[in-house]
Amino acid sequence: MSVKKTDKASFGTSFAELEKIVAKFENEEVDLEEGLKDFEHALVLARTLKERLSGVENKVVEIKKKFKDVVDEGASGQPSLGV
């Protein structure tokens, strides 16, 4: 699978594919050449997933800053609605 196809795949699909590769290594005897290709593909998937998670984390931080008045907790421990 190419990097472009991996980039277009959903997070869940990419993660499931990575899990499948890991299971294959854990449960089967893998041909050296096939294993090398799978290993490289797994690293591409892992990198893509890590980048997506980082992007989501950054987006969450941005959203929390944007709605700081809503997400800040008041003295009561309840979210403040800023009213």
C-alpha atoms as a PDB file:
ATOM      1  CA  MET A   1       0.000   0.000   0.000  1.00  0.00           C
ATOM      2  CA  SER A   2       1.367   3.414  -0.878  1.00  0.00           C
ATOM      3  CA  VAL A   3       1.735   6.317   1.511  1.00  0.00           C
ATOM      4  CA  LYS A   4      -0.965   8.262  -0.364  1.00  0.00           C
ATOM      5  CA  LYS A   5      -3.497   5.465   0.158  1.00  0.00           C
ATOM      6  CA  THR A   6      -2.506   5.285   3.821  1.00  0.00           C
ATOM      7  CA  ASP A   7      -3.018   9.029   4.215  1.00  0.00           C
ATOM      8  CA  LYS A   8      -6.537   8.740   2.799  1.00  0.00           C
ATOM      9  CA  ALA A   9      -7.532   5.785   4.976  1.00  0.00           C
ATOM     10  CA  SER A  10      -9.483   6.468   8.127  1.00  0.00           C
ATOM     11  CA  PHE A  11      -7.692   6.368  11.451  1.00  0.00           C
ATOM     12  CA  GLY A  12      -9.611   3.250  12.456  1.00  0.00           C
ATOM     13  CA  THR A  13      -8.831   1.459   9.210  1.00  0.00           C
ATOM     14  CA  SER A  14      -5.131   2.307   9.466  1.00  0.00           C
ATOM     15  CA  PHE A  15      -4.988   1.228  13.100  1.00  0.00           C
ATOM     16  CA  ALA A  16      -6.743  -2.057  12.318  1.00  0.00           C
ATOM     17  CA  GLU A  17      -4.292  -2.697   9.503  1.00  0.00           C
ATOM     18  CA  LEU A  18      -1.365  -2.039  11.839  1.00  0.00           C
ATOM     19  CA  GLU A  19      -2.837  -4.423  14.417  1.00  0.00           C
ATOM     20  CA  LYS A  20      -3.236  -7.077  11.708  1.00  0.00           C
ATOM     21  CA  ILE A  21       0.451  -6.783  10.780  1.00  0.00           C
ATOM     22  CA  VAL A  22       1.500  -7.022  14.429  1.00  0.00           C
ATOM     23  CA  ALA A  23      -0.680 -10.111  14.923  1.00  0.00           C
ATOM     24  CA  LYS A  24       0.854 -11.674  11.835  1.00  0.00           C
ATOM     25  CA  PHE A  25       4.334 -11.247  13.290  1.00  0.00           C
ATOM     26  CA  GLU A  26       3.223 -12.569  16.658  1.00  0.00           C
ATOM     27  CA  ASN A  27       1.314 -15.615  15.402  1.00  0.00           C
ATOM     28  CA  GLU A  28       2.945 -16.779  12.181  1.00  0.00           C
ATOM     29  CA  GLU A  29       6.263 -17.647  10.712  1.00  0.00           C
ATOM     30  CA  VAL A  30       6.842 -14.849   8.252  1.00  0.00           C
ATOM     31  CA  ASP A  31       8.911 -15.057   5.089  1.00  0.00           C
ATOM     32  CA  LEU A  32      11.927 -12.753   5.314  1.00  0.00           C
ATOM     33  CA  GLU A  33      11.071 -10.662   2.238  1.00  0.00           C
ATOM     34  CA  GLU A  34       7.374 -10.494   3.052  1.00  0.00           C
ATOM     35  CA  GLY A  35       8.192  -9.665   6.657  1.00  0.00           C
ATOM     36  CA  LEU A  36      10.475  -6.841   5.600  1.00  0.00           C
ATOM     37  CA  LYS A  37       7.737  -5.331   3.418  1.00  0.00           C
ATOM     38  CA  ASP A  38       5.171  -5.710   6.218  1.00  0.00           C
ATOM     39  CA  PHE A  39       7.576  -4.168   8.719  1.00  0.00           C
ATOM     40  CA  GLU A  40       8.159  -1.148   6.494  1.00  0.00           C
ATOM     41  CA  HIS A  41       4.423  -0.763   5.881  1.00  0.00           C
ATOM     42  CA  ALA A  42       3.775  -1.007   9.632  1.00  0.00           C
ATOM     43  CA  LEU A  43       6.229   1.820  10.252  1.00  0.00           C
ATOM     44  CA  VAL A  44       4.527   3.956   7.594  1.00  0.00           C
ATOM     45  CA  LEU A  45       1.186   3.301   9.277  1.00  0.00           C
ATOM     46  CA  ALA A  46       2.615   4.037  12.729  1.00  0.00           C
ATOM     47  CA  ARG A  47       4.082   7.334  11.529  1.00  0.00           C
ATOM     48  CA  THR A  48       0.811   8.350   9.889  1.00  0.00           C
ATOM     49  CA  LEU A  49      -1.211   7.466  12.995  1.00  0.00           C
ATOM     50  CA  LYS A  50       1.223   9.353  15.238  1.00  0.00           C
ATOM     51  CA  GLU A  51       0.963  12.444  13.032  1.00  0.00           C
ATOM     52  CA  ARG A  52      -2.842  12.260  13.062  1.00  0.00           C
ATOM     53  CA  LEU A  53      -2.929  11.920  16.840  1.00  0.00           C
ATOM     54  CA  SER A  54      -0.600  14.881  17.195  1.00  0.00           C
ATOM     55  CA  GLY A  55      -2.816  16.931  14.898  1.00  0.00           C
ATOM     56  CA  VAL A  56      -5.916  16.006  16.876  1.00  0.00           C
ATOM     57  CA  GLU A  57      -4.160  16.861  20.137  1.00  0.00           C
ATOM     58  CA  ASN A  58      -3.208  20.287  18.754  1.00  0.00           C
ATOM     59  CA  LYS A  59      -6.776  20.838  17.564  1.00  0.00           C
ATOM     60  CA  VAL A  60      -8.133  19.968  21.043  1.00  0.00           C
ATOM     61  CA  VAL A  61      -5.769  22.516  22.592  1.00  0.00           C
ATOM     62  CA  GLU A  62      -6.949  25.160  20.094  1.00  0.00           C
ATOM     63  CA  ILE A  63     -10.604  24.384  20.801  1.00  0.00           C
ATOM     64  CA  LYS A  64     -10.038  24.512  24.565  1.00  0.00           C
ATOM     65  CA  LYS A  65      -8.359  27.928  24.194  1.00  0.00           C
ATOM     66  CA  LYS A  66     -11.218  29.168  22.037  1.00  0.00           C
ATOM     67  CA  PHE A  67     -13.792  28.079  24.602  1.00  0.00           C
ATOM     68  CA  LYS A  68     -11.683  28.749  27.688  1.00  0.00           C
ATOM     69  CA  ASP A  69     -14.566  30.440  29.489  1.00  0.00           C
ATOM     70  CA  VAL A  70     -16.704  27.323  29.018  1.00  0.00           C
ATOM     71  CA  VAL A  71     -14.138  24.688  29.953  1.00  0.00           C
ATOM     72  CA  ASP A  72     -12.660  26.483  32.979  1.00  0.00           C
ATOM     73  CA  GLU A  73     -13.974  25.027  36.164  1.00  0.00           C
ATOM     74  CA  GLY A  74     -15.320  27.345  38.826  1.00  0.00           C
ATOM     75  CA  ALA A  75     -14.816  26.993  42.583  1.00  0.00           C
ATOM     76  CA  SER A  76     -17.707  24.538  42.743  1.00  0.00           C
ATOM     77  CA  GLY A  77     -15.889  22.144  40.448  1.00  0.00           C
ATOM     78  CA  GLN A  78     -18.582  22.604  37.797  1.00  0.00           C
ATOM     79  CA  PRO A  79     -17.761  24.032  34.383  1.00  0.00           C
ATOM     80  CA  SER A  80     -18.296  27.765  34.210  1.00  0.00           C
ATOM     81  CA  LEU A  81     -20.639  28.901  31.472  1.00  0.00           C
ATOM     82  CA  GLY A  82     -19.304  32.446  31.613  1.00  0.00           C
ATOM     83  CA  VAL A  83     -22.722  34.041  32.280  1.00  0.00           C
END
